[in-house]
Amino acid sequence: MRFLLFTAALASASPLAARQKTPADYPPRIFADAFTLIANVTSPTPNPLFNPHGWVLTAERVGAGQNAVVLSAKPAAGAGAVLFLNGTARDVSAENTSIMAPPLNNTSGPIPMGLQYASGAENRLVRLGINFGVGTLGTGIGVGLRDPYARLFAPAAMQGGRFIVCKEPNPVYTRPEFPVYWARYGVSEIPENCEQIALLAQCAKLPELVGEKELNIVKIGVGCYEDVKSIDWSKW
């Protein structure tokens, strides 16, 4: 639960403790072709404004071909955005995969849709979106010894940080109510209207993809949890 990242930090701070741990010390994962992302609140102090624990990641249109990544307690379609990992086994090992949503079936041909981190090295808060393209390379779901939890990680070029979700006081069409950001280390404090989260992969069924060959998509299975909400974190 809220101590998830704290526990992982202790393991990384103690090499001996990390070596002694085995897969049995972490929530069991299975492999699936697709997943949704579920928020797990990791702030040491709960935010009194809102509690996004267990909320689902989805996308909200904010412009032509632009979809902001947001969290929702009750997604309109009853489920979050269905995503999959794009890349080869070598890409997984090199942490050079991207995360995609099913391509759009357009009359002029299939259009790839991927998870993107807004560019700009000077930006401390990096906005996430699901937009045209294969997605930002270097992002994926934690695997193996690097991260024993099935959670989203940001590209190495982001120089470390944490995911946060914010509650916008006056949401409008171009500024949704609960946008998700990557807060780079260097953001001394989480804004008071935001909450620190981990985004955990919950297994989902991947629909048939259009334009898979034309777009050079290489989907690969990913370790994920059957039901994030059913995990008793006190055991792990």
C-alpha atoms as a PDB file:
ATOM      1  CA  MET A   1       0.000   0.000   0.000  1.00  0.00           C
ATOM      2  CA  ARG A   2       1.539   3.366   0.990  1.00  0.00           C
ATOM      3  CA  PHE A   3       4.756   1.694   2.052  1.00  0.00           C
ATOM      4  CA  LEU A   4       5.309   0.026  -1.323  1.00  0.00           C
ATOM      5  CA  LEU A   5       8.030   2.356  -2.592  1.00  0.00           C
ATOM      6  CA  PHE A   6       9.517   2.704   0.899  1.00  0.00           C
ATOM      7  CA  THR A   7       9.966  -1.064   1.046  1.00  0.00           C
ATOM      8  CA  ALA A   8      11.582  -1.099  -2.374  1.00  0.00           C
ATOM      9  CA  ALA A   9      13.883   1.750  -1.341  1.00  0.00           C
ATOM     10  CA  LEU A  10      15.076  -0.191   1.680  1.00  0.00           C
ATOM     11  CA  ALA A  11      15.869  -3.188  -0.499  1.00  0.00           C
ATOM     12  CA  SER A  12      17.869  -1.062  -2.926  1.00  0.00           C
ATOM     13  CA  ALA A  13      19.711   0.619  -0.057  1.00  0.00           C
ATOM     14  CA  SER A  14      20.814  -2.738   1.328  1.00  0.00           C
ATOM     15  CA  PRO A  15      22.468  -4.992  -1.306  1.00  0.00           C
ATOM     16  CA  LEU A  16      22.513  -7.907   1.132  1.00  0.00           C
ATOM     17  CA  ALA A  17      18.777  -7.624   1.777  1.00  0.00           C
ATOM     18  CA  ALA A  18      18.130  -7.415  -1.977  1.00  0.00           C
ATOM     19  CA  ARG A  19      20.156 -10.579  -2.633  1.00  0.00           C
ATOM     20  CA  GLN A  20      18.327 -12.498   0.085  1.00  0.00           C
ATOM     21  CA  LYS A  21      14.908 -11.771  -1.340  1.00  0.00           C
ATOM     22  CA  THR A  22      13.294 -14.255  -3.711  1.00  0.00           C
ATOM     23  CA  PRO A  23      10.255 -14.042  -6.021  1.00  0.00           C
ATOM     24  CA  ALA A  24       8.189 -15.520  -3.184  1.00  0.00           C
ATOM     25  CA  ASP A  25       8.759 -12.312  -1.221  1.00  0.00           C
ATOM     26  CA  TYR A  26       6.731 -10.268  -3.705  1.00  0.00           C
ATOM     27  CA  PRO A  27       3.128 -10.407  -4.970  1.00  0.00           C
ATOM     28  CA  PRO A  28       2.796 -13.148  -7.607  1.00  0.00           C
ATOM     29  CA  ARG A  29       2.627 -12.070 -11.234  1.00  0.00           C
ATOM     30  CA  ILE A  30       1.353 -13.820 -14.323  1.00  0.00           C
ATOM     31  CA  PHE A  31       2.047 -12.996 -17.969  1.00  0.00           C
ATOM     32  CA  ALA A  32      -0.485 -11.388 -20.271  1.00  0.00           C
ATOM     33  CA  ASP A  33      -0.519  -9.648 -23.651  1.00  0.00           C
ATOM     34  CA  ALA A  34      -2.012  -6.453 -22.223  1.00  0.00           C
ATOM     35  CA  PHE A  35      -2.606  -4.578 -19.010  1.00  0.00           C
ATOM     36  CA  THR A  36      -4.286  -1.612 -17.395  1.00  0.00           C
ATOM     37  CA  LEU A  37      -2.586   0.591 -14.796  1.00  0.00           C
ATOM     38  CA  ILE A  38      -3.938   0.957 -11.260  1.00  0.00           C
ATOM     39  CA  ALA A  39      -2.804   3.683  -8.861  1.00  0.00           C
ATOM     40  CA  ASN A  40      -1.228   2.732  -5.548  1.00  0.00           C
ATOM     41  CA  VAL A  41      -0.748   5.768  -3.286  1.00  0.00           C
ATOM     42  CA  THR A  42       2.819   5.963  -1.985  1.00  0.00           C
ATOM     43  CA  SER A  43       2.962   9.375  -0.281  1.00  0.00           C
ATOM     44  CA  PRO A  44       4.122   9.062   3.351  1.00  0.00           C
ATOM     45  CA  THR A  45       1.336  11.470   4.392  1.00  0.00           C
ATOM     46  CA  PRO A  46      -2.168  11.104   2.884  1.00  0.00           C
ATOM     47  CA  ASN A  47      -3.447  14.065   0.907  1.00  0.00           C
ATOM     48  CA  PRO A  48      -6.634  15.434   2.520  1.00  0.00           C
ATOM     49  CA  LEU A  49      -7.938  16.703  -0.820  1.00  0.00           C
ATOM     50  CA  PHE A  50      -8.433  13.296  -2.459  1.00  0.00           C
ATOM     51  CA  ASN A  51      -7.417   9.658  -2.259  1.00  0.00           C
ATOM     52  CA  PRO A  52      -6.689   8.133  -5.692  1.00  0.00           C
ATOM     53  CA  HIS A  53      -5.736   4.699  -4.314  1.00  0.00           C
ATOM     54  CA  GLY A  54      -7.126   2.041  -6.670  1.00  0.00           C
ATOM     55  CA  TRP A  55      -8.073   4.530  -9.373  1.00  0.00           C
ATOM     56  CA  VAL A  56      -7.572   3.477 -12.983  1.00  0.00           C
ATOM     57  CA  LEU A  57      -5.370   5.139 -15.595  1.00  0.00           C
ATOM     58  CA  THR A  58      -7.235   6.264 -18.669  1.00  0.00           C
ATOM     59  CA  ALA A  59      -6.988   9.021 -21.287  1.00  0.00           C
ATOM     60  CA  GLU A  60      -9.010  12.172 -21.777  1.00  0.00           C
ATOM     61  CA  ARG A  61      -9.065  14.151 -24.994  1.00  0.00           C
ATOM     62  CA  VAL A  62      -7.583  17.628 -24.655  1.00  0.00           C
ATOM     63  CA  GLY A  63      -7.161  18.557 -28.321  1.00  0.00           C
ATOM     64  CA  ALA A  64      -6.928  17.188 -31.857  1.00  0.00           C
ATOM     65  CA  GLY A  65      -5.056  13.892 -31.573  1.00  0.00           C
ATOM     66  CA  GLN A  66      -4.059  14.760 -28.010  1.00  0.00           C
ATOM     67  CA  ASN A  67      -5.123  12.699 -25.017  1.00  0.00           C
ATOM     68  CA  ALA A  68      -3.922  13.502 -21.507  1.00  0.00           C
ATOM     69  CA  VAL A  69      -3.234  10.606 -19.147  1.00  0.00           C
ATOM     70  CA  VAL A  70      -5.563  10.900 -16.159  1.00  0.00           C
ATOM     71  CA  LEU A  71      -6.791   8.806 -13.261  1.00  0.00           C
ATOM     72  CA  SER A  72     -10.437   7.972 -12.838  1.00  0.00           C
ATOM     73  CA  ALA A  73     -12.341   6.392  -9.977  1.00  0.00           C
ATOM     74  CA  LYS A  74     -15.062   5.336 -12.426  1.00  0.00           C
ATOM     75  CA  PRO A  75     -13.867   5.283 -16.060  1.00  0.00           C
ATOM     76  CA  ALA A  76     -16.636   5.988 -18.560  1.00  0.00           C
ATOM     77  CA  ALA A  77     -16.272   2.628 -20.269  1.00  0.00           C
ATOM     78  CA  GLY A  78     -15.975   0.752 -16.977  1.00  0.00           C
ATOM     79  CA  ALA A  79     -12.271   0.002 -17.464  1.00  0.00           C
ATOM     80  CA  GLY A  80      -8.987   1.807 -17.882  1.00  0.00           C
ATOM     81  CA  ALA A  81      -6.876   2.249 -20.968  1.00  0.00           C
ATOM     82  CA  VAL A  82      -5.784  -1.127 -22.364  1.00  0.00           C
ATOM     83  CA  LEU A  83      -2.053  -0.998 -23.044  1.00  0.00           C
ATOM     84  CA  PHE A  84       0.637  -3.359 -24.251  1.00  0.00           C
ATOM     85  CA  LEU A  85       4.415  -3.517 -24.375  1.00  0.00           C
ATOM     86  CA  ASN A  86       6.015  -2.888 -27.762  1.00  0.00           C
ATOM     87  CA  GLY A  87       9.500  -4.300 -28.311  1.00  0.00           C
ATOM     88  CA  THR A  88      11.634  -7.418 -28.498  1.00  0.00           C
ATOM     89  CA  ALA A  89      13.075  -9.490 -25.659  1.00  0.00           C
ATOM     90  CA  ARG A  90      16.358  -7.647 -26.214  1.00  0.00           C
ATOM     91  CA  ASP A  91      14.510  -4.323 -25.866  1.00  0.00           C
ATOM     92  CA  VAL A  92      13.067  -5.515 -22.552  1.00  0.00           C
ATOM     93  CA  SER A  93      16.544  -6.360 -21.254  1.00  0.00           C
ATOM     94  CA  ALA A  94      17.868  -2.989 -22.422  1.00  0.00           C
ATOM     95  CA  GLU A  95      14.807  -1.143 -21.049  1.00  0.00           C
ATOM     96  CA  ASN A  96      14.189   0.217 -24.533  1.00  0.00           C
ATOM     97  CA  THR A  97      10.540  -0.743 -24.950  1.00  0.00           C
ATOM     98  CA  SER A  98       7.579   1.566 -25.432  1.00  0.00           C
ATOM     99  CA  ILE A  99       4.014   1.289 -24.199  1.00  0.00           C
ATOM    100  CA  MET A 100       1.222   1.460 -26.741  1.00  0.00           C
ATOM    101  CA  ALA A 101      -2.543   1.508 -26.915  1.00  0.00           C
ATOM    102  CA  PRO A 102      -4.295  -0.318 -29.773  1.00  0.00           C
ATOM    103  CA  PRO A 103      -3.818   1.638 -33.051  1.00  0.00           C
ATOM    104  CA  LEU A 104      -6.693   3.644 -34.454  1.00  0.00           C
ATOM    105  CA  ASN A 105      -8.372   2.173 -37.525  1.00  0.00           C
ATOM    106  CA  ASN A 106      -8.401   5.245 -39.765  1.00  0.00           C
ATOM    107  CA  THR A 107      -9.735   5.330 -43.335  1.00  0.00           C
ATOM    108  CA  SER A 108      -6.297   6.399 -44.580  1.00  0.00           C
ATOM    109  CA  GLY A 109      -4.580   3.615 -42.660  1.00  0.00           C
ATOM    110  CA  PRO A 110      -3.865   2.533 -39.077  1.00  0.00           C
ATOM    111  CA  ILE A 111      -2.517   5.183 -36.710  1.00  0.00           C
ATOM    112  CA  PRO A 112      -0.220   4.123 -33.849  1.00  0.00           C
ATOM    113  CA  MET A 113      -1.037   5.373 -30.354  1.00  0.00           C
ATOM    114  CA  GLY A 114       1.566   5.350 -27.599  1.00  0.00           C
ATOM    115  CA  LEU A 115       2.268   6.514 -24.065  1.00  0.00           C
ATOM    116  CA  GLN A 116       4.322   9.689 -24.321  1.00  0.00           C
ATOM    117  CA  TYR A 117       6.215  11.829 -21.866  1.00  0.00           C
ATOM    118  CA  ALA A 118       6.185  15.508 -22.833  1.00  0.00           C
ATOM    119  CA  SER A 119       9.574  16.714 -24.065  1.00  0.00           C
ATOM    120  CA  GLY A 120      11.579  19.500 -22.465  1.00  0.00           C
ATOM    121  CA  ALA A 121      14.584  18.909 -20.237  1.00  0.00           C
ATOM    122  CA  GLU A 122      13.746  22.034 -18.245  1.00  0.00           C
ATOM    123  CA  ASN A 123      10.338  20.735 -17.209  1.00  0.00           C
ATOM    124  CA  ARG A 124      10.219  19.507 -13.636  1.00  0.00           C
ATOM    125  CA  LEU A 125       6.671  18.198 -14.024  1.00  0.00           C
ATOM    126  CA  VAL A 126       6.431  16.128 -17.207  1.00  0.00           C
ATOM    127  CA  ARG A 127       2.914  15.586 -18.520  1.00  0.00           C
ATOM    128  CA  LEU A 128       1.906  12.123 -19.758  1.00  0.00           C
ATOM    129  CA  GLY A 129      -0.287  11.517 -22.773  1.00  0.00           C
ATOM    130  CA  ILE A 130      -1.508   8.754 -25.089  1.00  0.00           C
ATOM    131  CA  ASN A 131      -1.013  10.314 -28.501  1.00  0.00           C
ATOM    132  CA  PHE A 132      -0.100   9.581 -32.119  1.00  0.00           C
ATOM    133  CA  GLY A 133       3.111   7.563 -32.390  1.00  0.00           C
ATOM    134  CA  VAL A 134       4.628   4.422 -30.881  1.00  0.00           C
ATOM    135  CA  GLY A 135       5.273   6.119 -27.548  1.00  0.00           C
ATOM    136  CA  THR A 136       8.375   7.283 -25.718  1.00  0.00           C
ATOM    137  CA  LEU A 137      11.159   4.689 -25.840  1.00  0.00           C
ATOM    138  CA  GLY A 138      12.649   3.536 -22.557  1.00  0.00           C
ATOM    139  CA  THR A 139       9.454   3.124 -20.573  1.00  0.00           C
ATOM    140  CA  GLY A 140       7.959  -0.191 -19.518  1.00  0.00           C
ATOM    141  CA  ILE A 141       6.840  -2.384 -16.633  1.00  0.00           C
ATOM    142  CA  GLY A 142       9.299  -3.382 -13.908  1.00  0.00           C
ATOM    143  CA  VAL A 143      10.835  -6.794 -14.426  1.00  0.00           C
ATOM    144  CA  GLY A 144      13.337  -9.050 -12.685  1.00  0.00           C
ATOM    145  CA  LEU A 145      15.882  -7.836 -10.179  1.00  0.00           C
ATOM    146  CA  ARG A 146      15.665  -4.211 -11.308  1.00  0.00           C
ATOM    147  CA  ASP A 147      12.149  -3.889  -9.993  1.00  0.00           C
ATOM    148  CA  PRO A 148      10.318  -6.887  -8.502  1.00  0.00           C
ATOM    149  CA  TYR A 149       7.011  -5.029  -8.667  1.00  0.00           C
ATOM    150  CA  ALA A 150       4.906  -4.931 -11.835  1.00  0.00           C
ATOM    151  CA  ARG A 151       4.799  -1.152 -12.043  1.00  0.00           C
ATOM    152  CA  LEU A 152       5.360   1.489 -14.685  1.00  0.00           C
ATOM    153  CA  PHE A 153       8.826   3.005 -14.932  1.00  0.00           C
ATOM    154  CA  ALA A 154       9.892   6.146 -16.773  1.00  0.00           C
ATOM    155  CA  PRO A 155      12.728   6.421 -19.323  1.00  0.00           C
ATOM    156  CA  ALA A 156      16.247   6.646 -17.882  1.00  0.00           C
ATOM    157  CA  ALA A 157      16.618  10.010 -19.641  1.00  0.00           C
ATOM    158  CA  MET A 158      14.102  11.412 -17.178  1.00  0.00           C
ATOM    159  CA  GLN A 159      16.886  11.275 -14.558  1.00  0.00           C
ATOM    160  CA  GLY A 160      14.818   9.707 -11.820  1.00  0.00           C
ATOM    161  CA  GLY A 161      11.653  10.900 -10.184  1.00  0.00           C
ATOM    162  CA  ARG A 162       8.180   9.724  -9.237  1.00  0.00           C
ATOM    163  CA  PHE A 163       4.690   9.612 -10.667  1.00  0.00           C
ATOM    164  CA  ILE A 164       2.122  11.983  -9.222  1.00  0.00           C
ATOM    165  CA  VAL A 165      -1.531  12.747  -9.872  1.00  0.00           C
ATOM    166  CA  CYS A 166      -2.943  16.214  -9.237  1.00  0.00           C
ATOM    167  CA  LYS A 167      -6.418  17.536  -8.557  1.00  0.00           C
ATOM    168  CA  GLU A 168      -7.007  20.593 -10.719  1.00  0.00           C
ATOM    169  CA  PRO A 169      -9.287  23.053  -8.900  1.00  0.00           C
ATOM    170  CA  ASN A 170     -10.930  24.406 -12.069  1.00  0.00           C
ATOM    171  CA  PRO A 171     -10.822  21.691 -14.742  1.00  0.00           C
ATOM    172  CA  VAL A 172     -11.618  22.646 -18.334  1.00  0.00           C
ATOM    173  CA  TYR A 173     -11.424  20.881 -21.717  1.00  0.00           C
ATOM    174  CA  THR A 174      -7.662  21.375 -22.118  1.00  0.00           C
ATOM    175  CA  ARG A 175      -6.906  20.823 -18.428  1.00  0.00           C
ATOM    176  CA  PRO A 176      -8.538  17.673 -17.006  1.00  0.00           C
ATOM    177  CA  GLU A 177      -9.287  17.276 -13.320  1.00  0.00           C
ATOM    178  CA  PHE A 178      -6.854  14.463 -12.423  1.00  0.00           C
ATOM    179  CA  PRO A 179      -3.801  14.630 -14.745  1.00  0.00           C
ATOM    180  CA  VAL A 180      -0.796  12.354 -14.219  1.00  0.00           C
ATOM    181  CA  TYR A 181       2.766  13.693 -14.274  1.00  0.00           C
ATOM    182  CA  TRP A 182       6.306  12.418 -13.896  1.00  0.00           C
ATOM    183  CA  ALA A 183       7.903  14.625 -11.232  1.00  0.00           C
ATOM    184  CA  ARG A 184      11.660  14.686 -11.725  1.00  0.00           C
ATOM    185  CA  TYR A 185      13.940  14.555  -8.726  1.00  0.00           C
ATOM    186  CA  GLY A 186      14.651  18.199  -8.090  1.00  0.00           C
ATOM    187  CA  VAL A 187      11.005  18.895  -7.376  1.00  0.00           C
ATOM    188  CA  SER A 188      11.661  19.522  -3.693  1.00  0.00           C
ATOM    189  CA  GLU A 189       8.068  18.990  -2.642  1.00  0.00           C
ATOM    190  CA  ILE A 190       5.003  17.434  -4.175  1.00  0.00           C
ATOM    191  CA  PRO A 191       2.493  20.246  -4.855  1.00  0.00           C
ATOM    192  CA  GLU A 192      -0.202  20.366  -2.194  1.00  0.00           C
ATOM    193  CA  ASN A 193      -2.908  19.503  -4.709  1.00  0.00           C
ATOM    194  CA  CYS A 194      -1.048  16.349  -5.815  1.00  0.00           C
ATOM    195  CA  GLU A 195      -0.451  12.823  -4.534  1.00  0.00           C
ATOM    196  CA  GLN A 196       2.529  10.533  -5.092  1.00  0.00           C
ATOM    197  CA  ILE A 197       1.616   7.207  -6.710  1.00  0.00           C
ATOM    198  CA  ALA A 198       2.944   4.020  -8.236  1.00  0.00           C
ATOM    199  CA  LEU A 199       1.135   2.687 -11.316  1.00  0.00           C
ATOM    200  CA  LEU A 200       0.696  -1.077 -11.061  1.00  0.00           C
ATOM    201  CA  ALA A 201       0.017  -3.296 -14.077  1.00  0.00           C
ATOM    202  CA  GLN A 202      -3.189  -5.333 -13.901  1.00  0.00           C
ATOM    203  CA  CYS A 203      -3.585  -8.003 -16.580  1.00  0.00           C
ATOM    204  CA  ALA A 204      -6.096  -7.295 -19.329  1.00  0.00           C
ATOM    205  CA  LYS A 205      -7.271  -8.812 -22.599  1.00  0.00           C
ATOM    206  CA  LEU A 206      -5.691  -7.318 -25.687  1.00  0.00           C
ATOM    207  CA  PRO A 207      -8.177  -6.660 -28.500  1.00  0.00           C
ATOM    208  CA  GLU A 208      -7.258  -7.531 -32.063  1.00  0.00           C
ATOM    209  CA  LEU A 209      -4.778  -4.977 -33.353  1.00  0.00           C
ATOM    210  CA  VAL A 210      -5.164  -3.289 -36.716  1.00  0.00           C
ATOM    211  CA  GLY A 211      -2.060  -2.492 -38.743  1.00  0.00           C
ATOM    212  CA  GLU A 212       0.236  -4.580 -36.586  1.00  0.00           C
ATOM    213  CA  LYS A 213       2.550  -5.490 -39.479  1.00  0.00           C
ATOM    214  CA  GLU A 214       2.297  -2.167 -41.299  1.00  0.00           C
ATOM    215  CA  LEU A 215       3.311  -0.277 -38.156  1.00  0.00           C
ATOM    216  CA  ASN A 216       6.107  -2.732 -37.234  1.00  0.00           C
ATOM    217  CA  ILE A 217       4.536  -3.402 -33.868  1.00  0.00           C
ATOM    218  CA  VAL A 218       6.181  -6.170 -31.868  1.00  0.00           C
ATOM    219  CA  LYS A 219       3.954  -6.896 -28.885  1.00  0.00           C
ATOM    220  CA  ILE A 220       5.500  -8.864 -26.052  1.00  0.00           C
ATOM    221  CA  GLY A 221       3.976 -10.377 -22.932  1.00  0.00           C
ATOM    222  CA  VAL A 222       4.394  -8.588 -19.628  1.00  0.00           C
ATOM    223  CA  GLY A 223       4.322  -9.656 -15.994  1.00  0.00           C
ATOM    224  CA  CYS A 224       1.212  -8.251 -14.315  1.00  0.00           C
ATOM    225  CA  TYR A 225      -1.154  -8.807 -11.398  1.00  0.00           C
ATOM    226  CA  GLU A 226      -4.486 -10.560 -11.802  1.00  0.00           C
ATOM    227  CA  ASP A 227      -6.277  -8.137  -9.483  1.00  0.00           C
ATOM    228  CA  VAL A 228      -4.392  -5.248  -7.872  1.00  0.00           C
ATOM    229  CA  LYS A 229      -7.165  -4.439  -5.405  1.00  0.00           C
ATOM    230  CA  SER A 230      -7.081  -7.954  -3.970  1.00  0.00           C
ATOM    231  CA  ILE A 231      -3.378  -7.756  -3.019  1.00  0.00           C
ATOM    232  CA  ASP A 232      -2.783  -7.694   0.729  1.00  0.00           C
ATOM    233  CA  TRP A 233       0.349  -5.539   0.879  1.00  0.00           C
ATOM    234  CA  SER A 234       0.873  -6.371   4.562  1.00  0.00           C
ATOM    235  CA  LYS A 235       2.112  -9.795   3.402  1.00  0.00           C
ATOM    236  CA  TRP A 236       4.773  -8.286   1.170  1.00  0.00           C
END
